[in-house]
Every structure is written in structure tokens, then in C-alpha cells.
Amino acid sequence: MIPRLSNRLHPDRQRYAERIVQFGGGNFLRGFVDWVVDILNGETDFGSGIVIVKATPGTYDALDEQDCLFTTYLHGVRDGAVVEETRLISAVERTVYPYQDFGAYLALARQPEVRFIFSNTTESGIVFSADDALDDEPPAMFPAKLTRFLYERFRHFAGAPERGCIIIPTELIVDNATRLREFILEYAALWRLEPGFSEWLEAHNTFCNTLVDRIVSGFPQAEAERLYAELGYDDRLLAAGEIYHSWIIEAEPRLLDEFPVDKTRTPLNVNVVDDAAPYRAIKVRLLNGAHTSLVPLGLLLGLESVREAMEHEALAAFISELIFQEVIPSVTEAPSDELEAFARDVFDRFRNPHIHHRLLTIALNSSAKVKERILPSLLGYCALKGELPERLVIAFAAFIRLYRGEWRGEPIPLNDDPVALAWFKAQWTEADSTDDLVQRVLSNTALWERDLTAVPGLAPKVGACLQAIEAGELLPLIRRHSA
């Protein structure tokens, strides 16, 4: 019988000073942030243990039962070859549950060695609520919990500069650390904390905006038994994810003196930069832009997943040409060789045989995504080249056709703002011609924040593409632009 993972199997496990407080213990944090910390501990003098704080009610029973040990199982395509890697993660020292033992939570704030705070409380976690109070045990919202933690630390150490923290949130919102700091200052005002706390917070704590990217899909049910046999133990917390990872941390270079991600033998795609905005633009335009272009075309061709799209001889070549010939020339935030390397990583990720990324899932809120992910490249290409990027126009037309809400007599279960869905349905019902429909859609300044009928040649080109799609000529249209 295969034994359960625990300290009994690793009696020589190295323990570390509890220098990291981590809000959240879900798949992403374990499969990415804790994986990075574990590599730092193994390959540098970082020597930092993680205390995981449960930011919501409940406990991490499986984590506690395994003495906070777990395994990452990473897989993907690298340089055209399928690769798999496993790693036993021993960086997590213990768990703390504020809802069960608020005193232990405050005691953690008083530990002098604490230096880093990581978090991933989902996109809805960094929010402010005036209902949170200083004497709540604990406050409900994550920023309020963190305010209480930092205030306890400020008071216990009498505002000592060296007891400030480096706060690195990984929630998927723009300027996540800036918003978190602003909410903490709002709580300080709401709770009428002494001015010295806000001064200490801003002078001696570092808030780092981040941009993170790795798909961590969670427990690999279909492969668990094989992995147990290979590992020699049963791990209920196997964290499966892709090989690819990217962590952009907006901070001064001196962060590397304390967080030495540039000193590991294992190559880490973790970069400390002055400004994360260009990296965000690259991700949105290339990775997200490829997804958003791919979705309507793939769905109208009857495909279900990104992987199927990458195995479709015409569509895969079309999207590759769209990115390399039309999107990359329109992006000015980085040199073309860096963009091309990023794009090659994107397509390796799309081909990952272990990731089943459904097109309908990616289609969520496509009306907003097209504005953010496709239009900047389309308009940028026009400005640079003085002509329309034909593949991006075809993808845009396919989006408009998708938002009719049906295809070949079958409904398409779109998931978007009900107002946007109703508006597109009304245009398809009320327009008396393709040209009229295109004029209605392109002139919707509320949707696009500009009148797209003013883009020379765009309306007739979109109209021609729509007519070809309606005539059943989408695949020939794609083939003509896939070489």
C-alpha cells in the first residue's frame, strides 16, 4: 500500500524561518508562488518558510494532514517536445486560521522575522467594505485583514522601520498592490488609526504590482495513480500546471537583494521591472489577443478547445500568421525579437496536450475582450502600415457573426453582459442588410469608445467577411490567409 505523504517519509526535512505570510493556499499559489519559493530555498540562501493564512472561513485539512507537504506536477511543450516535471514542495511550515484562532493570527504579525506577504484571494478579494471594523475577529475583507495584521505589527514594534514588509499580491487585477495599499489607507482612516501608522505603512512597507501567468489546473485525477506509483507516495494535494510561467514584479532592483530570483540554477521567468505596464500590454495583445481571435473562428468551425484549434491545419496557420504578421508589428512596447520569443511560448502553451481549454470558456465577456485585445492591434497596424490587417478583420467579423447567438440553426450559449448580448441580438434582428448591420455595430461608441466607421475601409471589409461567413466560405477565407 502506497503511504500518504507526510513528515514521516521525510524525517530529514529542512525547516525554515517563517519569513513569508501567504494569504491563500489554493492551487495557483501552491503551484506557482510556493514552487518559486521552494526553488529559492533549494538553490540560494533565501531560507524562507511560508505560513499560509486562510483568508476565508474553514481550514486546509488536506494540507495539515500532509504536514504542509505537497507535490507540483508540471507539464507542457518546450521547444516542440512534451515535458513533465515533479517537485516535492517543503517551503510551507504551517497554517493559521483567523476565524478559528484570531490570537494566533495576531501573534504571527508580531513575529520579527516576517518580511514578505504574498496573496491570491481571487479578483474579488481586493475590495473595500465600510462594514469591516477594527475589533472584528477577523474583519471580512482581505484588505481589512491585512490592515489589522500590519497595524498589530506597527504597534508591537513601535513603528520600527526594519519591521515593515514587502507585499506582493498576485490577484489578477491591474495595479493590484497599488489598490491594496489604497484600501489599507482607507481602513486606517475609517478606523481612525493614529497618523503614525499610515506614515509607517508608506515609508517602510513596499507594495509591488505584479503580473502573473501560469495555468494551474489542480489535482490531476486521470494521472494520479500513475504519479503515486512513480513518486512512491499518495499526495491528495498534487498541483498540476503548465511548465510555462511568468511573474513580473514592479519594484526597484534592490528587491533582488532579498528575493534573489536571478540567482537560481533553475531558470525562473521572474522579472523585477520598473514598470509592469509594457509587459501587461504584451500579454494582452499577444496571448489574450490570440485567444480572442481564435475563439469565434474556432467555434464557427465546430471546434471545442484551443488544442483542437492548434491541430487544425488551416486555423493554426492562420492564427500564427495573425500574430506574427499583424499583431507583433503593431506592438511598440518591446523589440520584435522579444515579442516573437513570447509568441512562440504562447503557441507552445496552446499545444499543451494536458490542458483542455474550452473555447466557450474563453469566450466569456468577448464584447469587452475584443475592445481590449483585438482593436488596439487592428488600429495600431492601420496607423503603422496605412492598410487594414486582413486576418484581424476576419477575426473581428467572426466575432460579430458569433454574437448573433446561433449558428446553422443551433443556439450558441454565450456568456456576456446581458445588455451587450441583447444589443447584438437586436442589431441582427433589425438590420435590413449586412451593410446596415456593420454600420450599426461599428458606430457603437459606447461599446468601442470610438466610431469605427471612421477607420478607412473597415466597414466594407468587415461586411465582405460577414457575407463570406454567411455563404459558408469561412474555411476557404481562412485558408487564403494562412500562408
Foldseek 3Di string as FASTA:
>chain_A
DQAAAACVVVVPDDAAAAAEEEEDDDLVCVQPVLVLVQLCVVFHVLRHAYEYEDLADDDDVLCVVNQNKFKEWAWFADPRDTDIDMDIGDRYHYYDYLVVCVPVLLVVLQDQNHAEYEYEPEQPQLDADLPFALPPSHGNGPLRNVLNSLVSNCVNVVLDLSSAYEYEYAHPDFPSQVSSLVRSVVNCVSHVPDPSSNVSNVPRYHGKYKYKDWDWPWDPVVCQVVVCVVVSHHRPGHTYIYPDIAMEIADPPCVCVNSVQVRGPPNDNYYYHNDCVLVVLLCLQQQVLLLLLLLLLCVLVVHWFLQVLCVDVLSVLLSVCCRLVQRLVLRDSDDSVVSVVVNVVSSRRSNTPVDGHTSLVSLAASLQSCLSHLVSRQVSSCVVPVDGDLSSLLSVLSVLVVLCQAHPPHGDPHHHDPVVSVVSVVLVVPQPALLSSLQVVQCPCVRNVHRNVPRPPSSVSSSVSNVCVVVVNSSVVSNVNSD
